[in-house]
Amino acid sequence: SQNKNWSLFCFFVFMVNLSEVELQTLQVKYFEAGHTFMAADSFHHQVE
């Protein structure tokens, strides 16, 4: 509902072709469900 849907993919097509940014390539990689520990989680722990 948030990170893996066609609406988001359409947005990425828009963004990678936007003249307001220098973006040339955009990769999106996904963790397997249930095993998603990442740097953002560590930051969220610091926020808490």
ModelCIF file with pLDDT and N, C-alpha, C, O atoms, coordinates in Angstrom:
data_MODEL
#
_entry.id   MODEL 
#
_entity.id                         1 
_entity.type                       polymer 
_entity.pdbx_number_of_molecules   1 
#
_entity_poly.entity_id                      1 
_entity_poly.type                           'polypeptide(L)' 
_entity_poly.nstd_linkage                   no 
_entity_poly.nstd_monomer                   no 
_entity_poly.pdbx_seq_one_letter_code       SQNKNWSLFCFFVFMVNLSEVELQTLQVKYFEAGHTFMAADSFHHQVE 
_entity_poly.pdbx_seq_one_letter_code_can   SQNKNWSLFCFFVFMVNLSEVELQTLQVKYFEAGHTFMAADSFHHQVE 
_entity_poly.pdbx_strand_id                 A 
#
loop_
_entity_poly_seq.entity_id 
_entity_poly_seq.num 
_entity_poly_seq.mon_id 
_entity_poly_seq.hetero 
1 1  SER n 
1 2  GLN n 
1 3  ASN n 
1 4  LYS n 
1 5  ASN n 
1 6  TRP n 
1 7  SER n 
1 8  LEU n 
1 9  PHE n 
1 10 CYS n 
1 11 PHE n 
1 12 PHE n 
1 13 VAL n 
1 14 PHE n 
1 15 MET n 
1 16 VAL n 
1 17 ASN n 
1 18 LEU n 
1 19 SER n 
1 20 GLU n 
1 21 VAL n 
1 22 GLU n 
1 23 LEU n 
1 24 GLN n 
1 25 THR n 
1 26 LEU n 
1 27 GLN n 
1 28 VAL n 
1 29 LYS n 
1 30 TYR n 
1 31 PHE n 
1 32 GLU n 
1 33 ALA n 
1 34 GLY n 
1 35 HIS n 
1 36 THR n 
1 37 PHE n 
1 38 MET n 
1 39 ALA n 
1 40 ALA n 
1 41 ASP n 
1 42 SER n 
1 43 PHE n 
1 44 HIS n 
1 45 HIS n 
1 46 GLN n 
1 47 VAL n 
1 48 GLU n 
#
_struct_asym.id          A 
_struct_asym.entity_id   1 
#
loop_
_ma_qa_metric.id 
_ma_qa_metric.mode 
_ma_qa_metric.name 
_ma_qa_metric.software_group_id 
_ma_qa_metric.type 
1 global pLDDT . pLDDT 
2 local  pLDDT . pLDDT 
#
_ma_qa_metric_global.metric_id      1 
_ma_qa_metric_global.metric_value   93.69 
_ma_qa_metric_global.model_id       1 
_ma_qa_metric_global.ordinal_id     1 
#
loop_
_ma_qa_metric_local.label_asym_id 
_ma_qa_metric_local.label_comp_id 
_ma_qa_metric_local.label_seq_id 
_ma_qa_metric_local.metric_id 
_ma_qa_metric_local.metric_value 
_ma_qa_metric_local.model_id 
_ma_qa_metric_local.ordinal_id 
A SER 1  2 81.00 1 1  
A GLN 2  2 86.00 1 2  
A ASN 3  2 90.00 1 3  
A LYS 4  2 93.00 1 4  
A ASN 5  2 94.00 1 5  
A TRP 6  2 96.00 1 6  
A SER 7  2 95.00 1 7  
A LEU 8  2 96.00 1 8  
A PHE 9  2 97.00 1 9  
A CYS 10 2 96.00 1 10 
A PHE 11 2 96.00 1 11 
A PHE 12 2 97.00 1 12 
A VAL 13 2 97.00 1 13 
A PHE 14 2 96.00 1 14 
A MET 15 2 97.00 1 15 
A VAL 16 2 96.00 1 16 
A ASN 17 2 95.00 1 17 
A LEU 18 2 95.00 1 18 
A SER 19 2 94.00 1 19 
A GLU 20 2 95.00 1 20 
A VAL 21 2 96.00 1 21 
A GLU 22 2 95.00 1 22 
A LEU 23 2 96.00 1 23 
A GLN 24 2 97.00 1 24 
A THR 25 2 97.00 1 25 
A LEU 26 2 98.00 1 26 
A GLN 27 2 97.00 1 27 
A VAL 28 2 97.00 1 28 
A LYS 29 2 97.00 1 29 
A TYR 30 2 96.00 1 30 
A PHE 31 2 94.00 1 31 
A GLU 32 2 92.00 1 32 
A ALA 33 2 87.00 1 33 
A GLY 34 2 87.00 1 34 
A HIS 35 2 88.00 1 35 
A THR 36 2 86.00 1 36 
A PHE 37 2 89.00 1 37 
A MET 38 2 91.00 1 38 
A ALA 39 2 91.00 1 39 
A ALA 40 2 93.00 1 40 
A ASP 41 2 92.00 1 41 
A SER 42 2 92.00 1 42 
A PHE 43 2 94.00 1 43 
A HIS 44 2 95.00 1 44 
A HIS 45 2 93.00 1 45 
A GLN 46 2 94.00 1 46 
A VAL 47 2 96.00 1 47 
A GLU 48 2 95.00 1 48 
#
loop_
_atom_site.group_PDB 
_atom_site.id 
_atom_site.type_symbol 
_atom_site.label_atom_id 
_atom_site.label_alt_id 
_atom_site.label_comp_id 
_atom_site.label_asym_id 
_atom_site.label_entity_id 
_atom_site.label_seq_id 
_atom_site.pdbx_PDB_ins_code 
_atom_site.Cartn_x 
_atom_site.Cartn_y 
_atom_site.Cartn_z 
_atom_site.occupancy 
_atom_site.B_iso_or_equiv 
_atom_site.pdbx_formal_charge 
_atom_site.auth_seq_id 
_atom_site.auth_comp_id 
_atom_site.auth_asym_id 
_atom_site.auth_atom_id 
_atom_site.pdbx_PDB_model_num 
ATOM 1   N N  . SER A 1 1  ? 0.807  -1.218  0.000   1.00 81.00 ? 1  SER A N  1 
ATOM 2   C CA . SER A 1 1  ? 0.000  0.000   0.000   1.00 81.00 ? 1  SER A CA 1 
ATOM 3   C C  . SER A 1 1  ? 0.840  1.267   0.000   1.00 81.00 ? 1  SER A C  1 
ATOM 4   O O  . SER A 1 1  ? 0.340  2.334   -0.357  1.00 81.00 ? 1  SER A O  1 
ATOM 5   N N  . GLN A 1 2  ? 2.114  1.171   0.396   1.00 86.00 ? 2  GLN A N  1 
ATOM 6   C CA . GLN A 1 2  ? 2.948  2.360   0.506   1.00 86.00 ? 2  GLN A CA 1 
ATOM 7   C C  . GLN A 1 2  ? 4.174  2.328   -0.404  1.00 86.00 ? 2  GLN A C  1 
ATOM 8   O O  . GLN A 1 2  ? 4.490  3.330   -1.046  1.00 86.00 ? 2  GLN A O  1 
ATOM 9   N N  . ASN A 1 3  ? 4.862  1.199   -0.467  1.00 90.00 ? 3  ASN A N  1 
ATOM 10  C CA . ASN A 1 3  ? 6.170  1.151   -1.121  1.00 90.00 ? 3  ASN A CA 1 
ATOM 11  C C  . ASN A 1 3  ? 6.239  0.312   -2.382  1.00 90.00 ? 3  ASN A C  1 
ATOM 12  O O  . ASN A 1 3  ? 7.256  0.326   -3.075  1.00 90.00 ? 3  ASN A O  1 
ATOM 13  N N  . LYS A 1 4  ? 5.183  -0.417  -2.692  1.00 93.00 ? 4  LYS A N  1 
ATOM 14  C CA . LYS A 1 4  ? 5.292  -1.358  -3.803  1.00 93.00 ? 4  LYS A CA 1 
ATOM 15  C C  . LYS A 1 4  ? 3.968  -1.405  -4.550  1.00 93.00 ? 4  LYS A C  1 
ATOM 16  O O  . LYS A 1 4  ? 3.153  -2.302  -4.336  1.00 93.00 ? 4  LYS A O  1 
ATOM 17  N N  . ASN A 1 5  ? 3.763  -0.434  -5.423  1.00 94.00 ? 5  ASN A N  1 
ATOM 18  C CA . ASN A 1 5  ? 2.531  -0.367  -6.191  1.00 94.00 ? 5  ASN A CA 1 
ATOM 19  C C  . ASN A 1 5  ? 2.787  0.376   -7.499  1.00 94.00 ? 5  ASN A C  1 
ATOM 20  O O  . ASN A 1 5  ? 3.801  1.059   -7.649  1.00 94.00 ? 5  ASN A O  1 
ATOM 21  N N  . TRP A 1 6  ? 1.869  0.237   -8.429  1.00 96.00 ? 6  TRP A N  1 
ATOM 22  C CA . TRP A 1 6  ? 2.050  0.828   -9.757  1.00 96.00 ? 6  TRP A CA 1 
ATOM 23  C C  . TRP A 1 6  ? 2.003  2.352   -9.714  1.00 96.00 ? 6  TRP A C  1 
ATOM 24  O O  . TRP A 1 6  ? 2.644  3.010   -10.534 1.00 96.00 ? 6  TRP A O  1 
ATOM 25  N N  . SER A 1 7  ? 1.263  2.915   -8.781  1.00 95.00 ? 7  SER A N  1 
ATOM 26  C CA . SER A 1 7  ? 1.216  4.381   -8.659  1.00 95.00 ? 7  SER A CA 1 
ATOM 27  C C  . SER A 1 7  ? 2.605  4.932   -8.337  1.00 95.00 ? 7  SER A C  1 
ATOM 28  O O  . SER A 1 7  ? 3.031  5.937   -8.906  1.00 95.00 ? 7  SER A O  1 
ATOM 29  N N  . LEU A 1 8  ? 3.300  4.265   -7.423  1.00 96.00 ? 8  LEU A N  1 
ATOM 30  C CA . LEU A 1 8  ? 4.655  4.695   -7.069  1.00 96.00 ? 8  LEU A CA 1 
ATOM 31  C C  . LEU A 1 8  ? 5.593  4.546   -8.261  1.00 96.00 ? 8  LEU A C  1 
ATOM 32  O O  . LEU A 1 8  ? 6.447  5.402   -8.489  1.00 96.00 ? 8  LEU A O  1 
ATOM 33  N N  . PHE A 1 9  ? 5.441  3.466   -9.021  1.00 97.00 ? 9  PHE A N  1 
ATOM 34  C CA . PHE A 1 9  ? 6.291  3.259   -10.189 1.00 97.00 ? 9  PHE A CA 1 
ATOM 35  C C  . PHE A 1 9  ? 6.048  4.343   -11.242 1.00 97.00 ? 9  PHE A C  1 
ATOM 36  O O  . PHE A 1 9  ? 6.990  4.798   -11.892 1.00 97.00 ? 9  PHE A O  1 
ATOM 37  N N  . CYS A 1 10 ? 4.790  4.757   -11.413 1.00 96.00 ? 10 CYS A N  1 
ATOM 38  C CA . CYS A 1 10 ? 4.477  5.862   -12.335 1.00 96.00 ? 10 CYS A CA 1 
ATOM 39  C C  . CYS A 1 10 ? 5.168  7.141   -11.864 1.00 96.00 ? 10 CYS A C  1 
ATOM 40  O O  . CYS A 1 10 ? 5.708  7.899   -12.670 1.00 96.00 ? 10 CYS A O  1 
ATOM 41  N N  . PHE A 1 11 ? 5.143  7.370   -10.558 1.00 96.00 ? 11 PHE A N  1 
ATOM 42  C CA . PHE A 1 11 ? 5.814  8.553   -10.013 1.00 96.00 ? 11 PHE A CA 1 
ATOM 43  C C  . PHE A 1 11 ? 7.315  8.506   -10.283 1.00 96.00 ? 11 PHE A C  1 
ATOM 44  O O  . PHE A 1 11 ? 7.910  9.527   -10.627 1.00 96.00 ? 11 PHE A O  1 
ATOM 45  N N  . PHE A 1 12 ? 7.927  7.349   -10.135 1.00 97.00 ? 12 PHE A N  1 
ATOM 46  C CA . PHE A 1 12 ? 9.367  7.241   -10.380 1.00 97.00 ? 12 PHE A CA 1 
ATOM 47  C C  . PHE A 1 12 ? 9.703  7.518   -11.841 1.00 97.00 ? 12 PHE A C  1 
ATOM 48  O O  . PHE A 1 12 ? 10.744 8.107   -12.131 1.00 97.00 ? 12 PHE A O  1 
ATOM 49  N N  . VAL A 1 13 ? 8.835  7.099   -12.770 1.00 97.00 ? 13 VAL A N  1 
ATOM 50  C CA . VAL A 1 13 ? 9.029  7.438   -14.185 1.00 97.00 ? 13 VAL A CA 1 
ATOM 51  C C  . VAL A 1 13 ? 8.982  8.952   -14.357 1.00 97.00 ? 13 VAL A C  1 
ATOM 52  O O  . VAL A 1 13 ? 9.811  9.529   -15.060 1.00 97.00 ? 13 VAL A O  1 
ATOM 53  N N  . PHE A 1 14 ? 8.004  9.595   -13.709 1.00 96.00 ? 14 PHE A N  1 
ATOM 54  C CA . PHE A 1 14 ? 7.910  11.054  -13.748 1.00 96.00 ? 14 PHE A CA 1 
ATOM 55  C C  . PHE A 1 14 ? 9.169  11.696  -13.170 1.00 96.00 ? 14 PHE A C  1 
ATOM 56  O O  . PHE A 1 14 ? 9.704  12.646  -13.742 1.00 96.00 ? 14 PHE A O  1 
ATOM 57  N N  . MET A 1 15 ? 9.640  11.175  -12.032 1.00 97.00 ? 15 MET A N  1 
ATOM 58  C CA . MET A 1 15 ? 10.741 11.813  -11.315 1.00 97.00 ? 15 MET A CA 1 
ATOM 59  C C  . MET A 1 15 ? 12.061 11.685  -12.054 1.00 97.00 ? 15 MET A C  1 
ATOM 60  O O  . MET A 1 15 ? 12.853 12.628  -12.071 1.00 97.00 ? 15 MET A O  1 
ATOM 61  N N  . VAL A 1 16 ? 12.310 10.533  -12.665 1.00 96.00 ? 16 VAL A N  1 
ATOM 62  C CA . VAL A 1 16 ? 13.590 10.314  -13.325 1.00 96.00 ? 16 VAL A CA 1 
ATOM 63  C C  . VAL A 1 16 ? 13.697 11.108  -14.627 1.00 96.00 ? 16 VAL A C  1 
ATOM 64  O O  . VAL A 1 16 ? 14.777 11.228  -15.205 1.00 96.00 ? 16 VAL A O  1 
ATOM 65  N N  . ASN A 1 17 ? 12.575 11.643  -15.079 1.00 95.00 ? 17 ASN A N  1 
ATOM 66  C CA . ASN A 1 17 ? 12.573 12.474  -16.287 1.00 95.00 ? 17 ASN A CA 1 
ATOM 67  C C  . ASN A 1 17 ? 12.324 13.944  -15.984 1.00 95.00 ? 17 ASN A C  1 
ATOM 68  O O  . ASN A 1 17 ? 12.149 14.742  -16.905 1.00 95.00 ? 17 ASN A O  1 
ATOM 69  N N  . LEU A 1 18 ? 12.306 14.309  -14.725 1.00 95.00 ? 18 LEU A N  1 
ATOM 70  C CA . LEU A 1 18 ? 12.014 15.676  -14.313 1.00 95.00 ? 18 LEU A CA 1 
ATOM 71  C C  . LEU A 1 18 ? 13.229 16.581  -14.525 1.00 95.00 ? 18 LEU A C  1 
ATOM 72  O O  . LEU A 1 18 ? 14.347 16.219  -14.160 1.00 95.00 ? 18 LEU A O  1 
ATOM 73  N N  . SER A 1 19 ? 13.009 17.746  -15.111 1.00 94.00 ? 19 SER A N  1 
ATOM 74  C CA . SER A 1 19 ? 14.116 18.661  -15.394 1.00 94.00 ? 19 SER A CA 1 
ATOM 75  C C  . SER A 1 19 ? 14.634 19.356  -14.134 1.00 94.00 ? 19 SER A C  1 
ATOM 76  O O  . SER A 1 19 ? 15.731 19.914  -14.137 1.00 94.00 ? 19 SER A O  1 
ATOM 77  N N  . GLU A 1 20 ? 13.852 19.322  -13.072 1.00 95.00 ? 20 GLU A N  1 
ATOM 78  C CA . GLU A 1 20 ? 14.247 20.009  -11.835 1.00 95.00 ? 20 GLU A CA 1 
ATOM 79  C C  . GLU A 1 20 ? 15.296 19.238  -11.043 1.00 95.00 ? 20 GLU A C  1 
ATOM 80  O O  . GLU A 1 20 ? 15.848 19.775  -10.083 1.00 95.00 ? 20 GLU A O  1 
ATOM 81  N N  . VAL A 1 21 ? 15.581 18.011  -11.414 1.00 96.00 ? 21 VAL A N  1 
ATOM 82  C CA . VAL A 1 21 ? 16.586 17.208  -10.709 1.00 96.00 ? 21 VAL A CA 1 
ATOM 83  C C  . VAL A 1 21 ? 17.600 16.678  -11.713 1.00 96.00 ? 21 VAL A C  1 
ATOM 84  O O  . VAL A 1 21 ? 17.330 16.609  -12.912 1.00 96.00 ? 21 VAL A O  1 
ATOM 85  N N  . GLU A 1 22 ? 18.776 16.303  -11.201 1.00 95.00 ? 22 GLU A N  1 
ATOM 86  C CA . GLU A 1 22 ? 19.842 15.758  -12.041 1.00 95.00 ? 22 GLU A CA 1 
ATOM 87  C C  . GLU A 1 22 ? 19.777 14.239  -12.151 1.00 95.00 ? 22 GLU A C  1 
ATOM 88  O O  . GLU A 1 22 ? 20.644 13.621  -12.770 1.00 95.00 ? 22 GLU A O  1 
ATOM 89  N N  . LEU A 1 23 ? 18.777 13.653  -11.566 1.00 96.00 ? 23 LEU A N  1 
ATOM 90  C CA . LEU A 1 23 ? 18.661 12.197  -11.483 1.00 96.00 ? 23 LEU A CA 1 
ATOM 91  C C  . LEU A 1 23 ? 18.732 11.548  -12.864 1.00 96.00 ? 23 LEU A C  1 
ATOM 92  O O  . LEU A 1 23 ? 18.001 11.920  -13.782 1.00 96.00 ? 23 LEU A O  1 
ATOM 93  N N  . GLN A 1 24 ? 19.642 10.555  -12.990 1.00 97.00 ? 24 GLN A N  1 
ATOM 94  C CA . GLN A 1 24 ? 19.802 9.824   -14.239 1.00 97.00 ? 24 GLN A CA 1 
ATOM 95  C C  . GLN A 1 24 ? 19.291 8.390   -14.125 1.00 97.00 ? 24 GLN A C  1 
ATOM 96  O O  . GLN A 1 24 ? 18.662 7.875   -15.049 1.00 97.00 ? 24 GLN A O  1 
ATOM 97  N N  . THR A 1 25 ? 19.559 7.761   -13.012 1.00 97.00 ? 25 THR A N  1 
ATOM 98  C CA . THR A 1 25 ? 19.063 6.402   -12.781 1.00 97.00 ? 25 THR A CA 1 
ATOM 99  C C  . THR A 1 25 ? 18.509 6.304   -11.373 1.00 97.00 ? 25 THR A C  1 
ATOM 100 O O  . THR A 1 25 ? 19.022 6.919   -10.438 1.00 97.00 ? 25 THR A O  1 
ATOM 101 N N  . LEU A 1 26 ? 17.457 5.520   -11.242 1.00 98.00 ? 26 LEU A N  1 
ATOM 102 C CA . LEU A 1 26 ? 16.843 5.279   -9.937  1.00 98.00 ? 26 LEU A CA 1 
ATOM 103 C C  . LEU A 1 26 ? 16.597 3.784   -9.799  1.00 98.00 ? 26 LEU A C  1 
ATOM 104 O O  . LEU A 1 26 ? 15.878 3.190   -10.603 1.00 98.00 ? 26 LEU A O  1 
ATOM 105 N N  . GLN A 1 27 ? 17.194 3.178   -8.780  1.00 97.00 ? 27 GLN A N  1 
ATOM 106 C CA . GLN A 1 27 ? 16.984 1.767   -8.473  1.00 97.00 ? 27 GLN A CA 1 
ATOM 107 C C  . GLN A 1 27 ? 16.140 1.650   -7.212  1.00 97.00 ? 27 GLN A C  1 
ATOM 108 O O  . GLN A 1 27 ? 16.335 2.382   -6.242  1.00 97.00 ? 27 GLN A O  1 
ATOM 109 N N  . VAL A 1 28 ? 15.214 0.728   -7.248  1.00 97.00 ? 28 VAL A N  1 
ATOM 110 C CA . VAL A 1 28 ? 14.416 0.439   -6.056  1.00 97.00 ? 28 VAL A CA 1 
ATOM 111 C C  . VAL A 1 28 ? 14.585 -1.042  -5.744  1.00 97.00 ? 28 VAL A C  1 
ATOM 112 O O  . VAL A 1 28 ? 14.287 -1.896  -6.579  1.00 97.00 ? 28 VAL A O  1 
ATOM 113 N N  . LYS A 1 29 ? 15.062 -1.342  -4.544  1.00 97.00 ? 29 LYS A N  1 
ATOM 114 C CA . LYS A 1 29 ? 15.299 -2.726  -4.138  1.00 97.00 ? 29 LYS A CA 1 
ATOM 115 C C  . LYS A 1 29 ? 14.437 -3.037  -2.917  1.00 97.00 ? 29 LYS A C  1 
ATOM 116 O O  . LYS A 1 29 ? 14.211 -2.186  -2.057  1.00 97.00 ? 29 LYS A O  1 
ATOM 117 N N  . TYR A 1 30 ? 13.966 -4.277  -2.868  1.00 96.00 ? 30 TYR A N  1 
ATOM 118 C CA . TYR A 1 30 ? 13.027 -4.664  -1.816  1.00 96.00 ? 30 TYR A CA 1 
ATOM 119 C C  . TYR A 1 30 ? 13.564 -5.810  -0.968  1.00 96.00 ? 30 TYR A C  1 
ATOM 120 O O  . TYR A 1 30 ? 14.127 -6.781  -1.474  1.00 96.00 ? 30 TYR A O  1 
ATOM 121 N N  . PHE A 1 31 ? 13.368 -5.660  0.342   1.00 94.00 ? 31 PHE A N  1 
ATOM 122 C CA . PHE A 1 31 ? 13.649 -6.752  1.261   1.00 94.00 ? 31 PHE A CA 1 
ATOM 123 C C  . PHE A 1 31 ? 12.534 -7.794  1.164   1.00 94.00 ? 31 PHE A C  1 
ATOM 124 O O  . PHE A 1 31 ? 11.423 -7.497  0.724   1.00 94.00 ? 31 PHE A O  1 
ATOM 125 N N  . GLU A 1 32 ? 12.851 -9.007  1.580   1.00 92.00 ? 32 GLU A N  1 
ATOM 126 C CA . GLU A 1 32 ? 11.827 -10.030 1.715   1.00 92.00 ? 32 GLU A CA 1 
ATOM 127 C C  . GLU A 1 32 ? 10.991 -9.714  2.955   1.00 92.00 ? 32 GLU A C  1 
ATOM 128 O O  . GLU A 1 32 ? 11.523 -9.325  3.995   1.00 92.00 ? 32 GLU A O  1 
ATOM 129 N N  . ALA A 1 33 ? 9.689  -9.886  2.829   1.00 87.00 ? 33 ALA A N  1 
ATOM 130 C CA . ALA A 1 33 ? 8.793  -9.576  3.949   1.00 87.00 ? 33 ALA A CA 1 
ATOM 131 C C  . ALA A 1 33 ? 9.201  -10.343 5.204   1.00 87.00 ? 33 ALA A C  1 
ATOM 132 O O  . ALA A 1 33 ? 9.511  -11.533 5.142   1.00 87.00 ? 33 ALA A O  1 
ATOM 133 N N  . GLY A 1 34 ? 9.199  -9.655  6.333   1.00 87.00 ? 34 GLY A N  1 
ATOM 134 C CA . GLY A 1 34 ? 9.558  -10.276 7.603   1.00 87.00 ? 34 GLY A CA 1 
ATOM 135 C C  . GLY A 1 34 ? 11.029 -10.187 7.936   1.00 87.00 ? 34 GLY A C  1 
ATOM 136 O O  . GLY A 1 34 ? 11.442 -10.546 9.039   1.00 87.00 ? 34 GLY A O  1 
ATOM 137 N N  . HIS A 1 35 ? 11.835 -9.705  6.980   1.00 88.00 ? 35 HIS A N  1 
ATOM 138 C CA . HIS A 1 35 ? 13.294 -9.609  7.188   1.00 88.00 ? 35 HIS A CA 1 
ATOM 139 C C  . HIS A 1 35 ? 13.769 -8.272  6.635   1.00 88.00 ? 35 HIS A C  1 
ATOM 140 O O  . HIS A 1 35 ? 14.634 -8.222  5.760   1.00 88.00 ? 35 HIS A O  1 
ATOM 141 N N  . THR A 1 36 ? 13.195 -7.192  7.153   1.00 86.00 ? 36 THR A N  1 
ATOM 142 C CA . THR A 1 36 ? 13.395 -5.874  6.556   1.00 86.00 ? 36 THR A CA 1 
ATOM 143 C C  . THR A 1 36 ? 14.233 -4.931  7.410   1.00 86.00 ? 36 THR A C  1 
ATOM 144 O O  . THR A 1 36 ? 14.176 -3.719  7.202   1.00 86.00 ? 36 THR A O  1 
ATOM 145 N N  . PHE A 1 37 ? 14.997 -5.434  8.347   1.00 89.00 ? 37 PHE A N  1 
ATOM 146 C CA . PHE A 1 37 ? 15.776 -4.536  9.197   1.00 89.00 ? 37 PHE A CA 1 
ATOM 147 C C  . PHE A 1 37 ? 16.762 -3.748  8.349   1.00 89.00 ? 37 PHE A C  1 
ATOM 148 O O  . PHE A 1 37 ? 17.501 -4.327  7.552   1.00 89.00 ? 37 PHE A O  1 
ATOM 149 N N  . MET A 1 38 ? 16.777 -2.417  8.518   1.00 91.00 ? 38 MET A N  1 
ATOM 150 C CA . MET A 1 38 ? 17.625 -1.555  7.696   1.00 91.00 ? 38 MET A CA 1 
ATOM 151 C C  . MET A 1 38 ? 18.026 -0.319  8.477   1.00 91.00 ? 38 MET A C  1 
ATOM 152 O O  . MET A 1 38 ? 17.645 -0.148  9.635   1.00 91.00 ? 38 MET A O  1 
ATOM 153 N N  . ALA A 1 39 ? 18.813 0.552   7.820   1.00 91.00 ? 39 ALA A N  1 
ATOM 154 C CA . ALA A 1 39 ? 19.341 1.737   8.494   1.00 91.00 ? 39 ALA A CA 1 
ATOM 155 C C  . ALA A 1 39 ? 18.227 2.638   9.011   1.00 91.00 ? 39 ALA A C  1 
ATOM 156 O O  . ALA A 1 39 ? 18.378 3.269   10.057  1.00 91.00 ? 39 ALA A O  1 
ATOM 157 N N  . ALA A 1 40 ? 17.107 2.703   8.289   1.00 93.00 ? 40 ALA A N  1 
ATOM 158 C CA . ALA A 1 40 ? 15.989 3.534   8.735   1.00 93.00 ? 40 ALA A CA 1 
ATOM 159 C C  . ALA A 1 40 ? 15.469 3.082   10.092  1.00 93.00 ? 40 ALA A C  1 
ATOM 160 O O  . ALA A 1 40 ? 15.044 3.909   10.899  1.00 93.00 ? 40 ALA A O  1 
ATOM 161 N N  . ASP A 1 41 ? 15.499 1.764   10.354  1.00 92.00 ? 41 ASP A N  1 
ATOM 162 C CA . ASP A 1 41 ? 15.042 1.254   11.650  1.00 92.00 ? 41 ASP A CA 1 
ATOM 163 C C  . ASP A 1 41 ? 15.942 1.737   12.779  1.00 92.00 ? 41 ASP A C  1 
ATOM 164 O O  . ASP A 1 41 ? 15.464 2.056   13.868  1.00 92.00 ? 41 ASP A O  1 
ATOM 165 N N  . SER A 1 42 ? 17.237 1.789   12.521  1.00 92.00 ? 42 SER A N  1 
ATOM 166 C CA . SER A 1 42 ? 18.175 2.286   13.537  1.00 92.00 ? 42 SER A CA 1 
ATOM 167 C C  . SER A 1 42 ? 17.906 3.760   13.838  1.00 92.00 ? 42 SER A C  1 
ATOM 168 O O  . SER A 1 42 ? 17.956 4.190   14.991  1.00 92.00 ? 42 SER A O  1 
ATOM 169 N N  . PHE A 1 43 ? 17.622 4.521   12.786  1.00 94.00 ? 43 PHE A N  1 
ATOM 170 C CA . PHE A 1 43 ? 17.302 5.933   12.989  1.00 94.00 ? 43 PHE A CA 1 
ATOM 171 C C  . PHE A 1 43 ? 15.999 6.094   13.772  1.00 94.00 ? 43 PHE A C  1 
ATOM 172 O O  . PHE A 1 43 ? 15.897 6.958   14.642  1.00 94.00 ? 43 PHE A O  1 
ATOM 173 N N  . HIS A 1 44 ? 15.012 5.268   13.464  1.00 95.00 ? 44 HIS A N  1 
ATOM 174 C CA . HIS A 1 44 ? 13.747 5.328   14.202  1.00 95.00 ? 44 HIS A CA 1 
ATOM 175 C C  . HIS A 1 44 ? 13.963 5.010   15.678  1.00 95.00 ? 44 HIS A C  1 
ATOM 176 O O  . HIS A 1 44 ? 13.301 5.579   16.546  1.00 95.00 ? 44 HIS A O  1 
ATOM 177 N N  . HIS A 1 45 ? 14.888 4.103   15.954  1.00 93.00 ? 45 HIS A N  1 
ATOM 178 C CA . HIS A 1 45 ? 15.217 3.800   17.351  1.00 93.00 ? 45 HIS A CA 1 
ATOM 179 C C  . HIS A 1 45 ? 15.814 5.028   18.029  1.00 93.00 ? 45 HIS A C  1 
ATOM 180 O O  . HIS A 1 45 ? 15.519 5.299   19.193  1.00 93.00 ? 45 HIS A O  1 
ATOM 181 N N  . GLN A 1 46 ? 16.653 5.774   17.307  1.00 94.00 ? 46 GLN A N  1 
ATOM 182 C CA . GLN A 1 46 ? 17.237 6.988   17.868  1.00 94.00 ? 46 GLN A CA 1 
ATOM 183 C C  . GLN A 1 46 ? 16.161 8.056   18.099  1.00 94.00 ? 46 GLN A C  1 
ATOM 184 O O  . GLN A 1 46 ? 16.218 8.798   19.079  1.00 94.00 ? 46 GLN A O  1 
ATOM 185 N N  . VAL A 1 47 ? 15.182 8.128   17.192  1.00 96.00 ? 47 VAL A N  1 
ATOM 186 C CA . VAL A 1 47 ? 14.077 9.061   17.379  1.00 96.00 ? 47 VAL A CA 1 
ATOM 187 C C  . VAL A 1 47 ? 13.295 8.702   18.637  1.00 96.00 ? 47 VAL A C  1 
ATOM 188 O O  . VAL A 1 47 ? 12.934 9.577   19.424  1.00 96.00 ? 47 VAL A O  1 
ATOM 189 N N  . GLU A 1 48 ? 13.040 7.425   18.819  1.00 95.00 ? 48 GLU A N  1 
ATOM 190 C CA . GLU A 1 48 ? 12.314 6.972   20.007  1.00 95.00 ? 48 GLU A CA 1 
ATOM 191 C C  . GLU A 1 48 ? 13.085 7.326   21.282  1.00 95.00 ? 48 GLU A C  1 
ATOM 192 O O  . GLU A 1 48 ? 12.628 7.024   22.384  1.00 95.00 ? 48 GLU A O  1 
#
